[in-house]
Protein backbone atom coordinates (compact mmCIF):
# COMPACT_ATOMS: atom_id res chain seq x y z
CA UNK A 1 76.65 170.55 78.51
CA UNK A 2 77.69 170.20 82.11
CA UNK A 3 80.11 168.01 84.01
CA UNK A 4 83.89 167.86 84.15
CA UNK A 5 84.47 167.85 80.35
CA UNK A 6 85.91 171.06 78.94
CA UNK A 7 83.79 172.00 75.87
CA UNK A 8 86.78 173.78 74.33
CA UNK A 9 88.43 170.37 73.89
CA UNK A 10 85.60 169.03 71.73
CA UNK A 11 83.74 169.68 68.51
CA UNK A 12 80.21 169.17 69.74
CA UNK A 13 77.47 167.89 67.46
CA UNK A 14 73.93 167.81 68.82
CA UNK A 15 71.62 165.19 67.31
CA UNK A 16 67.88 165.34 67.95
CA UNK A 17 66.20 162.19 69.22
CA UNK A 18 62.63 160.97 69.16
CA UNK A 19 60.20 160.92 72.08
CA UNK A 20 57.17 158.67 71.71
CA UNK A 21 54.24 159.30 74.04
CA UNK A 22 51.66 156.56 74.38
CA UNK A 23 48.18 157.88 75.29
CA UNK A 24 46.97 156.94 78.78
CA UNK A 25 43.75 154.97 79.17
CA UNK A 26 40.74 156.92 80.46
CA UNK A 27 37.48 155.28 81.55
CA UNK A 28 34.34 157.29 82.31
CA UNK A 29 31.57 155.26 83.93
CA UNK A 30 27.97 156.30 84.63
CA UNK A 31 27.00 155.78 88.29
CA UNK A 32 24.07 153.54 89.11
CA UNK A 33 21.05 155.55 90.28
CA UNK A 34 17.45 155.17 91.30
CA UNK A 35 14.31 157.24 91.51
CA UNK A 36 10.80 156.97 92.89
CA UNK A 37 8.06 156.32 90.32
CA UNK A 38 6.23 159.57 89.65
CA UNK A 39 9.31 161.75 90.23
CA UNK A 40 11.73 163.12 87.67
CA UNK A 41 15.38 162.17 87.79
CA UNK A 42 17.39 165.40 88.00
CA UNK A 43 20.93 165.19 86.65
CA UNK A 44 23.51 167.45 88.28
CA UNK A 45 26.43 166.51 85.99
CA UNK A 46 28.21 164.52 88.69
CA UNK A 47 26.61 161.12 88.04
CA UNK A 48 29.79 159.55 86.71
CA UNK A 49 33.24 158.47 87.78
CA UNK A 50 36.52 158.72 85.93
CA UNK A 51 39.67 156.66 86.26
CA UNK A 52 42.95 157.11 84.48
CA UNK A 53 43.27 160.90 84.49
CA UNK A 54 46.90 162.03 84.71
CA UNK A 55 48.80 164.99 86.16
CA UNK A 56 45.87 166.50 88.05
CA UNK A 57 43.64 166.72 84.95
CA UNK A 58 39.88 166.92 85.39
CA UNK A 59 36.83 166.22 83.22
CA UNK A 60 35.53 169.51 81.79
CA UNK A 61 32.24 168.35 80.27
CA UNK A 62 30.24 165.15 80.07
CA UNK A 63 26.75 164.88 78.63
CA UNK A 64 24.65 162.32 80.49
CA UNK A 65 21.28 161.28 79.12
CA UNK A 66 18.88 158.87 80.78
CA UNK A 67 15.99 157.39 78.82
CA UNK A 68 14.11 156.50 82.01
CA UNK A 69 14.32 159.82 83.83
CA UNK A 70 10.71 160.85 83.23
CA UNK A 71 8.07 160.66 85.93
CA UNK A 72 6.30 157.61 84.45
CA UNK A 73 9.42 155.69 83.43
CA UNK A 74 10.11 152.34 85.08
CA UNK A 75 13.48 150.70 85.64
CA UNK A 76 15.79 149.37 84.45
CA UNK A 77 16.87 151.98 81.91
CA UNK A 78 20.25 152.72 80.38
CA UNK A 79 22.37 155.79 81.04
CA UNK A 80 24.51 157.12 78.20
CA UNK A 81 27.66 159.19 78.44
CA UNK A 82 28.83 161.32 75.53
């Protein structure tokens, strides 16, 4: 306790309160990409964007799979984040 009150003049009772924390929203979005037919699509692990991270947090791991990444695959094909 701080301020101008003299604690010796009081019987102090401390009562715990409740703090509710609502989770922040986080969106991870796969980037659009392209490739030349006959070439493989190499994934470097950076083919996504994130919005909503708080307090300097970063994404530690994202698994990105692309069903059309093979040499003979044609577009369009979906990208999945897990």
